[in-house]
């Protein structure tokens, strides 16, 4: 390596290190200033579970039902972080509070496996991505669904220079999905 090239690389590296050190030293002051300039937040009103029927049903009474609990086998995917509420509900006694003795069965696979556990009687109930159940239900799979959605399992991404800035901009466009029964395919139809 020539001396000139070595000196140029050293100067660039040195310049980078000096700038990184300055940024690191200035960061705490920037955070402190940001807190000082932050707008005062208004606290949201307290949550009132009685405003929602499902919460009202879950919140009423502290008594555990008398008599024997109804045994229910519940299929779920232990690898899905968004289904953690199932084990929390069991551990906190929410199922027992409503007369259920729940046995959890981990299906740890695709929704097809989950639906098979229901169809073959290996499970009485199951939890999974509701949007994956649409096609099987259209084809006659007989289930009752209680569903909800949350942000996190589906993302819609577009390059910044694509001209797609809103969902309306997708009209007439093609989107990529993981499979033809994916929640994205059922949620983001074009």
N, C-alpha and C. Protein backbone atom coordinates (compact mmCIF):
# COMPACT_ATOMS: atom_id res chain seq x y z
N UNK A 1 0.85 -1.16 0.00
CA UNK A 1 0.00 0.00 0.00
C UNK A 1 0.91 1.23 0.00
N UNK A 2 0.56 2.19 -0.81
CA UNK A 2 1.40 3.39 -0.87
C UNK A 2 1.17 4.24 0.37
N UNK A 3 2.12 5.09 0.66
CA UNK A 3 2.04 5.94 1.85
C UNK A 3 0.88 6.91 1.73
N UNK A 4 0.66 7.47 0.53
CA UNK A 4 -0.43 8.42 0.33
C UNK A 4 -1.78 7.77 0.59
N UNK A 5 -1.96 6.56 0.08
CA UNK A 5 -3.22 5.85 0.27
C UNK A 5 -3.42 5.52 1.75
N UNK A 6 -2.36 5.08 2.42
CA UNK A 6 -2.44 4.77 3.84
C UNK A 6 -2.80 6.01 4.65
N UNK A 7 -2.17 7.15 4.33
CA UNK A 7 -2.47 8.40 5.03
C UNK A 7 -3.91 8.83 4.80
N UNK A 8 -4.42 8.65 3.57
CA UNK A 8 -5.80 9.02 3.26
C UNK A 8 -6.79 8.15 4.05
N UNK A 9 -6.51 6.83 4.15
CA UNK A 9 -7.39 5.94 4.91
C UNK A 9 -7.35 6.28 6.39
N UNK A 10 -6.15 6.58 6.92
CA UNK A 10 -6.01 6.93 8.33
C UNK A 10 -6.75 8.21 8.64
N UNK A 11 -6.65 9.20 7.72
CA UNK A 11 -7.33 10.47 7.94
C UNK A 11 -8.85 10.26 7.92
N UNK A 12 -9.34 9.45 7.03
CA UNK A 12 -10.78 9.18 6.96
C UNK A 12 -11.23 8.46 8.23
N UNK A 13 -10.49 7.47 8.66
CA UNK A 13 -10.82 6.72 9.86
C UNK A 13 -10.78 7.64 11.08
N UNK A 14 -9.74 8.47 11.15
CA UNK A 14 -9.59 9.40 12.27
C UNK A 14 -10.75 10.39 12.29
N UNK A 15 -11.12 10.92 11.12
CA UNK A 15 -12.24 11.86 11.02
C UNK A 15 -13.53 11.19 11.51
N UNK A 16 -13.75 9.94 11.09
CA UNK A 16 -14.94 9.20 11.52
C UNK A 16 -14.97 9.03 13.04
N UNK A 17 -13.84 8.63 13.63
CA UNK A 17 -13.77 8.41 15.07
C UNK A 17 -13.99 9.70 15.86
N UNK A 18 -13.43 10.80 15.38
CA UNK A 18 -13.62 12.09 16.05
C UNK A 18 -15.09 12.48 16.01
N UNK A 19 -15.73 12.32 14.86
CA UNK A 19 -17.15 12.67 14.74
C UNK A 19 -18.02 11.75 15.60
N UNK A 20 -17.71 10.45 15.63
CA UNK A 20 -18.49 9.51 16.45
C UNK A 20 -18.35 9.85 17.93
N UNK A 21 -17.14 10.21 18.37
CA UNK A 21 -16.92 10.58 19.77
C UNK A 21 -17.69 11.86 20.11
N UNK A 22 -17.68 12.83 19.20
CA UNK A 22 -18.41 14.08 19.45
C UNK A 22 -19.91 13.82 19.54
N UNK A 23 -20.41 12.98 18.67
CA UNK A 23 -21.83 12.64 18.69
C UNK A 23 -22.19 11.92 19.99
N UNK A 24 -21.34 10.99 20.40
CA UNK A 24 -21.57 10.26 21.64
C UNK A 24 -21.57 11.17 22.85
N UNK A 25 -20.67 12.16 22.86
CA UNK A 25 -20.60 13.09 23.98
C UNK A 25 -21.79 14.04 23.99
N UNK A 26 -22.31 14.39 22.83
CA UNK A 26 -23.41 15.34 22.73
C UNK A 26 -24.77 14.69 22.93
N UNK A 27 -24.89 13.39 22.75
CA UNK A 27 -26.19 12.71 22.82
C UNK A 27 -26.93 12.94 24.13
N UNK A 28 -26.30 12.81 25.29
CA UNK A 28 -27.05 13.04 26.54
C UNK A 28 -27.62 14.45 26.64
N UNK A 29 -26.87 15.45 26.13
CA UNK A 29 -27.36 16.82 26.18
C UNK A 29 -28.57 16.99 25.25
N UNK A 30 -28.53 16.32 24.11
CA UNK A 30 -29.66 16.39 23.19
C UNK A 30 -30.90 15.75 23.78
N UNK A 31 -30.72 14.63 24.47
CA UNK A 31 -31.86 13.97 25.11
C UNK A 31 -32.44 14.84 26.22
N UNK A 32 -31.57 15.45 27.02
CA UNK A 32 -32.04 16.32 28.11
C UNK A 32 -32.79 17.52 27.54
N UNK A 33 -32.27 18.09 26.47
CA UNK A 33 -32.94 19.24 25.85
C UNK A 33 -34.28 18.83 25.28
N UNK A 34 -34.33 17.65 24.68
CA UNK A 34 -35.59 17.16 24.12
C UNK A 34 -36.65 16.98 25.18
N UNK A 35 -36.24 16.49 26.33
CA UNK A 35 -37.21 16.32 27.43
C UNK A 35 -37.71 17.67 27.92
N UNK A 36 -36.83 18.62 27.96
CA UNK A 36 -37.22 19.95 28.41
C UNK A 36 -38.18 20.62 27.44
N UNK A 37 -38.05 20.34 26.16
CA UNK A 37 -38.90 20.96 25.15
C UNK A 37 -40.15 20.14 24.84
N UNK A 38 -40.23 18.93 25.40
CA UNK A 38 -41.35 18.05 25.09
C UNK A 38 -42.67 18.68 25.54
N UNK A 39 -43.70 18.43 24.75
CA UNK A 39 -45.02 18.92 25.11
C UNK A 39 -45.56 18.11 26.28
N UNK A 40 -46.36 18.75 27.10
CA UNK A 40 -46.98 18.06 28.22
C UNK A 40 -48.03 17.09 27.68
N UNK A 41 -47.95 15.87 28.13
CA UNK A 41 -48.91 14.88 27.67
C UNK A 41 -50.15 14.90 28.54
N UNK A 42 -51.28 14.75 27.90
CA UNK A 42 -52.53 14.67 28.63
C UNK A 42 -52.82 13.20 28.87
N UNK A 43 -53.09 12.85 30.10
CA UNK A 43 -53.35 11.44 30.43
C UNK A 43 -54.69 11.02 29.82
N UNK A 44 -54.74 9.82 29.24
CA UNK A 44 -56.01 9.35 28.69
C UNK A 44 -56.98 9.06 29.84
N UNK A 45 -58.26 9.07 29.54
CA UNK A 45 -59.22 8.76 30.61
C UNK A 45 -59.00 7.32 31.09
N UNK A 46 -59.32 7.03 32.34
CA UNK A 46 -59.12 5.67 32.83
C UNK A 46 -59.97 4.68 32.05
N UNK A 47 -59.42 3.48 31.88
CA UNK A 47 -60.12 2.44 31.12
C UNK A 47 -61.33 1.97 31.91
N UNK A 48 -62.48 1.93 31.26
CA UNK A 48 -63.72 1.48 31.90
C UNK A 48 -64.16 0.17 31.24
N UNK A 49 -63.87 -0.99 31.88
CA UNK A 49 -64.21 -2.25 31.25
C UNK A 49 -65.71 -2.45 31.08
N UNK A 50 -66.53 -1.75 31.87
CA UNK A 50 -67.97 -1.95 31.76
C UNK A 50 -68.51 -1.41 30.43
N UNK A 51 -67.70 -0.62 29.71
CA UNK A 51 -68.14 -0.08 28.43
C UNK A 51 -68.08 -1.14 27.32
N UNK A 52 -67.41 -2.25 27.56
CA UNK A 52 -67.24 -3.29 26.55
C UNK A 52 -67.82 -4.60 27.08
N UNK A 53 -68.78 -5.19 26.37
CA UNK A 53 -69.43 -6.41 26.87
C UNK A 53 -68.47 -7.54 27.22
N UNK A 54 -67.46 -7.79 26.40
CA UNK A 54 -66.55 -8.90 26.68
C UNK A 54 -65.75 -8.63 27.94
N UNK A 55 -65.34 -7.38 28.15
CA UNK A 55 -64.60 -7.03 29.36
C UNK A 55 -65.52 -7.07 30.57
N UNK A 56 -66.77 -6.64 30.40
CA UNK A 56 -67.73 -6.65 31.49
C UNK A 56 -67.95 -8.09 31.96
N UNK A 57 -68.06 -9.02 31.01
CA UNK A 57 -68.26 -10.42 31.36
C UNK A 57 -67.05 -10.97 32.10
N UNK A 58 -65.86 -10.60 31.68
CA UNK A 58 -64.64 -11.10 32.30
C UNK A 58 -64.40 -10.47 33.66
N UNK A 59 -64.88 -9.24 33.86
CA UNK A 59 -64.58 -8.51 35.08
C UNK A 59 -65.58 -8.74 36.20
N UNK A 60 -66.75 -9.29 35.89
CA UNK A 60 -67.77 -9.41 36.92
C UNK A 60 -67.48 -10.56 37.86
N UNK A 61 -67.63 -10.30 39.13
CA UNK A 61 -67.53 -11.33 40.16
C UNK A 61 -66.14 -11.91 40.32
N UNK A 62 -65.80 -12.22 41.55
CA UNK A 62 -64.52 -12.84 41.84
C UNK A 62 -64.67 -14.31 42.19
N UNK A 63 -65.89 -14.77 42.32
CA UNK A 63 -66.12 -16.14 42.76
C UNK A 63 -65.81 -17.14 41.66
N UNK A 64 -65.12 -18.20 42.03
CA UNK A 64 -64.87 -19.31 41.12
C UNK A 64 -66.11 -20.18 41.12
N UNK A 65 -66.57 -20.65 39.95
CA UNK A 65 -67.79 -21.46 39.91
C UNK A 65 -67.67 -22.68 40.83
N UNK A 66 -68.78 -23.02 41.42
CA UNK A 66 -68.79 -24.21 42.27
C UNK A 66 -69.02 -25.43 41.39
N UNK A 67 -68.65 -26.58 41.90
CA UNK A 67 -68.83 -27.81 41.13
C UNK A 67 -67.64 -28.08 40.25
N UNK A 68 -67.79 -29.09 39.43
CA UNK A 68 -66.69 -29.51 38.57
C UNK A 68 -66.55 -28.58 37.37
N UNK A 69 -65.32 -28.27 37.03
CA UNK A 69 -65.05 -27.43 35.86
C UNK A 69 -65.22 -28.25 34.59
N UNK A 70 -65.70 -27.61 33.53
CA UNK A 70 -65.85 -28.29 32.23
C UNK A 70 -64.47 -28.42 31.59
N UNK A 71 -64.09 -29.64 31.21
CA UNK A 71 -62.79 -29.88 30.58
C UNK A 71 -62.85 -29.46 29.11
N UNK A 72 -61.87 -28.66 28.72
CA UNK A 72 -61.77 -28.16 27.34
C UNK A 72 -60.33 -28.31 26.88
N UNK A 73 -60.14 -28.88 25.70
CA UNK A 73 -58.81 -28.95 25.10
C UNK A 73 -58.68 -27.77 24.15
N UNK A 74 -57.62 -27.00 24.34
CA UNK A 74 -57.44 -25.74 23.63
C UNK A 74 -56.14 -25.81 22.84
N UNK A 75 -56.23 -25.73 21.51
CA UNK A 75 -55.05 -25.77 20.64
C UNK A 75 -54.53 -24.35 20.43
N UNK A 76 -53.23 -24.23 20.48
CA UNK A 76 -52.60 -22.93 20.26
C UNK A 76 -51.18 -23.15 19.80
N UNK A 77 -50.56 -22.12 19.28
CA UNK A 77 -49.18 -22.21 18.79
C UNK A 77 -48.28 -21.52 19.81
N UNK A 78 -47.53 -22.34 20.56
CA UNK A 78 -46.66 -21.80 21.61
C UNK A 78 -45.54 -20.92 21.06
N UNK A 79 -45.26 -21.01 19.77
CA UNK A 79 -44.19 -20.21 19.17
C UNK A 79 -44.64 -18.85 18.71
N UNK A 80 -45.92 -18.52 18.86
CA UNK A 80 -46.44 -17.23 18.40
C UNK A 80 -46.53 -16.26 19.58
N UNK A 81 -45.67 -15.24 19.61
CA UNK A 81 -45.68 -14.31 20.75
C UNK A 81 -47.03 -13.64 20.97
N UNK A 82 -47.80 -13.43 19.90
CA UNK A 82 -49.08 -12.75 20.06
C UNK A 82 -50.12 -13.64 20.72
N UNK A 83 -49.81 -14.92 20.91
CA UNK A 83 -50.76 -15.82 21.58
C UNK A 83 -50.37 -16.08 23.03
N UNK A 84 -49.46 -15.31 23.55
CA UNK A 84 -49.01 -15.46 24.92
C UNK A 84 -50.17 -15.29 25.91
N UNK A 85 -51.19 -14.55 25.54
CA UNK A 85 -52.33 -14.32 26.42
C UNK A 85 -53.01 -15.62 26.82
N UNK A 86 -52.91 -16.65 26.01
CA UNK A 86 -53.53 -17.93 26.33
C UNK A 86 -52.94 -18.50 27.61
N UNK A 87 -51.62 -18.55 27.71
CA UNK A 87 -51.00 -19.09 28.92
C UNK A 87 -51.21 -18.15 30.11
N UNK A 88 -51.22 -16.87 29.86
CA UNK A 88 -51.47 -15.91 30.95
C UNK A 88 -52.88 -16.14 31.50
N UNK A 89 -53.86 -16.30 30.60
CA UNK A 89 -55.24 -16.54 31.04
C UNK A 89 -55.34 -17.81 31.86
N UNK A 90 -54.63 -18.86 31.44
CA UNK A 90 -54.67 -20.11 32.20
C UNK A 90 -53.97 -19.94 33.55
N UNK A 91 -52.77 -19.35 33.55
CA UNK A 91 -52.01 -19.18 34.79
C UNK A 91 -52.72 -18.26 35.78
N UNK A 92 -53.40 -17.24 35.30
CA UNK A 92 -54.09 -16.30 36.17
C UNK A 92 -55.47 -16.80 36.61
N UNK A 93 -55.89 -17.95 36.08
CA UNK A 93 -57.17 -18.52 36.49
C UNK A 93 -58.39 -17.95 35.80
N UNK A 94 -58.20 -17.25 34.67
CA UNK A 94 -59.35 -16.66 33.97
C UNK A 94 -60.29 -17.74 33.44
N UNK A 95 -59.74 -18.82 32.90
CA UNK A 95 -60.58 -19.90 32.39
C UNK A 95 -61.35 -20.54 33.54
N UNK A 96 -60.67 -20.85 34.63
CA UNK A 96 -61.31 -21.49 35.79
C UNK A 96 -62.41 -20.59 36.36
N UNK A 97 -62.16 -19.29 36.35
CA UNK A 97 -63.15 -18.33 36.87
C UNK A 97 -64.46 -18.44 36.10
N UNK A 98 -64.38 -18.90 34.88
CA UNK A 98 -65.58 -19.03 34.04
C UNK A 98 -65.97 -20.49 33.82
N UNK A 99 -65.51 -21.36 34.74
CA UNK A 99 -65.97 -22.74 34.74
C UNK A 99 -65.25 -23.68 33.81
N UNK A 100 -64.06 -23.32 33.33
CA UNK A 100 -63.34 -24.15 32.37
C UNK A 100 -62.03 -24.69 32.94
N UNK A 101 -61.80 -25.97 32.72
CA UNK A 101 -60.52 -26.60 33.03
C UNK A 101 -59.82 -26.80 31.68
N UNK A 102 -58.91 -25.91 31.33
CA UNK A 102 -58.31 -25.90 30.00
C UNK A 102 -57.01 -26.69 29.96
N UNK A 103 -56.94 -27.60 28.99
CA UNK A 103 -55.72 -28.35 28.70
C UNK A 103 -55.17 -27.78 27.40
N UNK A 104 -53.96 -27.21 27.43
CA UNK A 104 -53.38 -26.60 26.24
C UNK A 104 -52.65 -27.64 25.40
N UNK A 105 -52.91 -27.61 24.09
CA UNK A 105 -52.24 -28.50 23.14
C UNK A 105 -51.52 -27.61 22.13
N UNK A 106 -50.22 -27.78 22.01
CA UNK A 106 -49.43 -26.97 21.09
C UNK A 106 -49.43 -27.63 19.72
N UNK A 107 -49.99 -26.94 18.72
CA UNK A 107 -49.97 -27.50 17.37
C UNK A 107 -48.73 -27.08 16.60
N UNK A 108 -48.06 -26.02 17.00
CA UNK A 108 -46.76 -25.58 16.49
C UNK A 108 -46.55 -25.79 15.00
N UNK A 109 -47.48 -25.41 14.21
CA UNK A 109 -47.32 -25.54 12.77
C UNK A 109 -48.23 -24.57 12.05
N UNK A 110 -48.63 -24.98 10.86
CA UNK A 110 -49.46 -24.12 10.03
C UNK A 110 -50.92 -24.15 10.51
N UNK A 111 -51.70 -23.23 9.98
CA UNK A 111 -53.11 -23.18 10.32
C UNK A 111 -53.82 -24.45 9.88
N UNK A 112 -53.33 -25.09 8.81
CA UNK A 112 -53.93 -26.36 8.38
C UNK A 112 -53.87 -27.39 9.51
N UNK A 113 -52.75 -27.42 10.22
CA UNK A 113 -52.61 -28.35 11.35
C UNK A 113 -53.56 -27.97 12.47
N UNK A 114 -53.72 -26.69 12.71
CA UNK A 114 -54.65 -26.22 13.72
C UNK A 114 -56.07 -26.64 13.37
N UNK A 115 -56.47 -26.41 12.13
CA UNK A 115 -57.81 -26.78 11.71
C UNK A 115 -58.02 -28.29 11.79
N UNK A 116 -56.97 -29.05 11.52
CA UNK A 116 -57.05 -30.51 11.62
C UNK A 116 -57.30 -30.94 13.06
N UNK A 117 -56.68 -30.25 14.03
CA UNK A 117 -56.91 -30.62 15.43
C UNK A 117 -58.37 -30.41 15.81
N UNK A 118 -59.01 -29.38 15.24
CA UNK A 118 -60.42 -29.16 15.49
C UNK A 118 -61.29 -30.18 14.76
N UNK A 119 -60.98 -30.41 13.49
CA UNK A 119 -61.80 -31.31 12.66
C UNK A 119 -61.76 -32.76 13.16
N UNK A 120 -60.64 -33.17 13.72
CA UNK A 120 -60.51 -34.56 14.18
C UNK A 120 -60.87 -34.73 15.65
N UNK A 121 -61.29 -33.65 16.31
CA UNK A 121 -61.69 -33.74 17.70
C UNK A 121 -60.54 -33.78 18.69
N UNK A 122 -59.32 -33.51 18.24
CA UNK A 122 -58.18 -33.48 19.16
C UNK A 122 -58.19 -32.22 20.02
N UNK A 123 -58.96 -31.22 19.60
CA UNK A 123 -59.12 -29.99 20.37
C UNK A 123 -60.57 -29.53 20.27
N UNK A 124 -61.04 -28.92 21.35
CA UNK A 124 -62.40 -28.38 21.37
C UNK A 124 -62.44 -26.93 20.88
N UNK A 125 -61.34 -26.23 21.08
CA UNK A 125 -61.25 -24.83 20.70
C UNK A 125 -59.82 -24.55 20.28
N UNK A 126 -59.63 -23.45 19.60
CA UNK A 126 -58.29 -23.09 19.13
C UNK A 126 -58.19 -21.59 18.96
N UNK A 127 -56.96 -21.13 18.96
CA UNK A 127 -56.70 -19.72 18.71
C UNK A 127 -55.66 -19.64 17.61
N UNK A 128 -55.86 -18.71 16.70
CA UNK A 128 -54.93 -18.54 15.59
C UNK A 128 -55.29 -17.29 14.81
N UNK A 129 -54.61 -17.12 13.70
CA UNK A 129 -54.82 -15.94 12.86
C UNK A 129 -56.16 -16.07 12.14
N UNK A 130 -57.14 -15.27 12.54
CA UNK A 130 -58.49 -15.37 12.01
C UNK A 130 -58.54 -15.24 10.49
N UNK A 131 -57.69 -14.40 9.93
CA UNK A 131 -57.73 -14.19 8.49
C UNK A 131 -57.28 -15.43 7.72
N UNK A 132 -56.60 -16.36 8.35
CA UNK A 132 -56.24 -17.62 7.70
C UNK A 132 -57.42 -18.59 7.68
N UNK A 133 -58.44 -18.32 8.44
CA UNK A 133 -59.58 -19.22 8.53
C UNK A 133 -60.65 -18.92 7.48
N UNK A 134 -60.51 -17.81 6.76
CA UNK A 134 -61.57 -17.41 5.83
C UNK A 134 -61.81 -18.43 4.72
N UNK A 135 -60.78 -18.87 4.05
CA UNK A 135 -60.95 -19.84 2.95
C UNK A 135 -61.54 -21.16 3.45
N UNK A 136 -61.01 -21.75 4.53
CA UNK A 136 -61.63 -22.98 5.02
C UNK A 136 -63.11 -22.80 5.37
N UNK A 137 -63.45 -21.64 5.93
CA UNK A 137 -64.86 -21.40 6.27
C UNK A 137 -65.70 -21.25 5.01
N UNK A 138 -65.16 -20.61 3.98
CA UNK A 138 -65.88 -20.50 2.70
C UNK A 138 -66.14 -21.89 2.11
N UNK A 139 -65.22 -22.80 2.39
CA UNK A 139 -65.34 -24.15 1.83
C UNK A 139 -66.10 -25.10 2.75
N UNK A 140 -66.74 -24.54 3.80
CA UNK A 140 -67.62 -25.35 4.63
C UNK A 140 -67.09 -25.78 5.97
N UNK A 141 -65.90 -25.35 6.37
CA UNK A 141 -65.39 -25.72 7.69
C UNK A 141 -66.28 -25.06 8.73
N UNK A 142 -66.89 -25.85 9.59
CA UNK A 142 -67.90 -25.38 10.52
C UNK A 142 -67.27 -25.00 11.86
N UNK A 143 -67.08 -23.72 12.08
CA UNK A 143 -66.54 -23.22 13.34
C UNK A 143 -67.27 -21.95 13.74
N UNK A 144 -67.19 -21.64 15.00
CA UNK A 144 -67.66 -20.35 15.50
C UNK A 144 -66.41 -19.57 15.83
N UNK A 145 -66.38 -18.32 15.43
CA UNK A 145 -65.16 -17.51 15.61
C UNK A 145 -65.43 -16.31 16.51
N UNK A 146 -64.52 -16.09 17.40
CA UNK A 146 -64.41 -14.83 18.13
C UNK A 146 -63.07 -14.29 17.67
N UNK A 147 -63.06 -13.12 17.07
CA UNK A 147 -61.83 -12.67 16.43
C UNK A 147 -61.46 -11.26 16.84
N UNK A 148 -60.19 -10.98 16.70
CA UNK A 148 -59.68 -9.62 16.86
C UNK A 148 -58.43 -9.50 16.02
N UNK A 149 -58.01 -8.30 15.80
CA UNK A 149 -56.78 -8.04 15.04
C UNK A 149 -55.89 -7.12 15.87
N UNK A 150 -54.63 -7.21 15.62
CA UNK A 150 -53.69 -6.29 16.24
C UNK A 150 -52.60 -6.00 15.22
N UNK A 151 -51.96 -4.88 15.40
CA UNK A 151 -50.85 -4.54 14.52
C UNK A 151 -49.63 -5.33 14.92
N UNK A 152 -48.99 -5.95 13.98
CA UNK A 152 -47.77 -6.66 14.31
C UNK A 152 -47.52 -7.87 13.45
N UNK A 153 -48.55 -8.61 13.12
CA UNK A 153 -48.35 -9.83 12.33
C UNK A 153 -48.35 -9.54 10.82
N UNK A 154 -48.87 -8.43 10.43
CA UNK A 154 -48.91 -8.10 9.01
C UNK A 154 -48.29 -6.72 8.79
N UNK A 155 -47.50 -6.63 7.75
CA UNK A 155 -46.90 -5.36 7.39
C UNK A 155 -47.05 -5.19 5.88
N UNK A 156 -47.29 -3.98 5.47
CA UNK A 156 -47.37 -3.65 4.06
C UNK A 156 -46.27 -2.64 3.80
N UNK A 157 -45.29 -3.03 3.00
CA UNK A 157 -44.13 -2.19 2.75
C UNK A 157 -44.04 -1.84 1.27
N UNK A 158 -43.59 -0.64 1.00
CA UNK A 158 -43.37 -0.19 -0.38
C UNK A 158 -42.13 0.70 -0.40
N UNK A 159 -41.35 0.64 -1.49
CA UNK A 159 -40.18 1.53 -1.58
C UNK A 159 -40.61 2.99 -1.52
N UNK A 160 -39.78 3.84 -0.94
CA UNK A 160 -40.13 5.25 -0.79
C UNK A 160 -40.33 5.95 -2.13
N UNK A 161 -39.66 5.47 -3.16
CA UNK A 161 -39.80 6.13 -4.47
C UNK A 161 -40.85 5.46 -5.36
N UNK A 162 -41.72 4.61 -4.79
CA UNK A 162 -42.70 3.87 -5.59
C UNK A 162 -43.95 4.67 -5.89
N UNK A 163 -44.17 5.77 -5.17
CA UNK A 163 -45.39 6.54 -5.36
C UNK A 163 -46.55 5.99 -4.53
N UNK A 164 -46.31 4.94 -3.76
CA UNK A 164 -47.35 4.37 -2.90
C UNK A 164 -47.15 4.96 -1.50
N UNK A 165 -48.10 5.82 -1.13
CA UNK A 165 -48.01 6.47 0.17
C UNK A 165 -49.21 6.17 1.06
N UNK A 166 -50.30 5.72 0.47
CA UNK A 166 -51.50 5.38 1.22
C UNK A 166 -52.03 4.04 0.71
N UNK A 167 -52.95 3.46 1.47
CA UNK A 167 -53.56 2.19 1.03
C UNK A 167 -54.30 2.40 -0.28
N UNK A 168 -54.90 3.57 -0.48
CA UNK A 168 -55.62 3.86 -1.72
C UNK A 168 -54.70 3.80 -2.94
N UNK A 169 -53.42 4.10 -2.74
CA UNK A 169 -52.45 4.06 -3.84
C UNK A 169 -52.19 2.63 -4.33
N UNK A 170 -52.64 1.64 -3.59
CA UNK A 170 -52.44 0.24 -3.98
C UNK A 170 -53.42 -0.22 -5.06
N UNK A 171 -54.47 0.55 -5.29
CA UNK A 171 -55.49 0.14 -6.25
C UNK A 171 -54.85 -0.19 -7.60
N UNK A 172 -55.10 -1.41 -8.07
CA UNK A 172 -54.57 -1.86 -9.34
C UNK A 172 -53.14 -2.39 -9.28
N UNK A 173 -52.53 -2.36 -8.11
CA UNK A 173 -51.15 -2.83 -7.95
C UNK A 173 -51.14 -4.30 -7.54
N UNK A 174 -50.03 -4.94 -7.72
CA UNK A 174 -49.83 -6.32 -7.29
C UNK A 174 -48.97 -6.30 -6.03
N UNK A 175 -49.39 -7.08 -5.04
CA UNK A 175 -48.58 -7.17 -3.82
C UNK A 175 -48.08 -8.60 -3.66
N UNK A 176 -46.96 -8.75 -3.01
CA UNK A 176 -46.40 -10.07 -2.75
C UNK A 176 -46.88 -10.58 -1.39
N UNK A 177 -47.26 -11.84 -1.33
CA UNK A 177 -47.70 -12.46 -0.09
C UNK A 177 -46.99 -13.79 0.09
N UNK A 178 -46.99 -14.30 1.30
CA UNK A 178 -46.27 -15.55 1.58
C UNK A 178 -46.95 -16.76 0.96
N UNK A 179 -48.28 -16.77 0.93
CA UNK A 179 -49.01 -17.85 0.28
C UNK A 179 -50.42 -17.37 -0.03
N UNK A 180 -51.15 -18.15 -0.81
CA UNK A 180 -52.46 -17.71 -1.30
C UNK A 180 -53.55 -17.75 -0.24
N UNK A 181 -53.27 -18.29 0.95
CA UNK A 181 -54.22 -18.25 2.05
C UNK A 181 -53.67 -17.43 3.20
N UNK A 182 -52.68 -16.60 2.92
CA UNK A 182 -52.06 -15.82 3.98
C UNK A 182 -53.01 -14.73 4.47
N UNK A 183 -52.85 -14.32 5.71
CA UNK A 183 -53.65 -13.19 6.20
C UNK A 183 -53.49 -11.95 5.34
N UNK A 184 -52.29 -11.71 4.84
CA UNK A 184 -52.06 -10.54 3.99
C UNK A 184 -52.91 -10.63 2.71
N UNK A 185 -53.01 -11.81 2.13
CA UNK A 185 -53.83 -12.01 0.92
C UNK A 185 -55.30 -11.71 1.21
N UNK A 186 -55.75 -12.09 2.40
CA UNK A 186 -57.14 -11.86 2.76
C UNK A 186 -57.40 -10.45 3.29
N UNK A 187 -56.37 -9.78 3.79
CA UNK A 187 -56.54 -8.47 4.38
C UNK A 187 -56.25 -7.34 3.40
N UNK A 188 -55.30 -7.52 2.50
CA UNK A 188 -54.91 -6.47 1.56
C UNK A 188 -55.33 -6.82 0.12
N UNK A 189 -56.60 -7.15 -0.12
CA UNK A 189 -56.96 -7.51 -1.49
C UNK A 189 -56.89 -6.30 -2.41
N UNK A 190 -56.56 -6.55 -3.69
CA UNK A 190 -56.49 -5.42 -4.61
C UNK A 190 -57.71 -5.39 -5.50
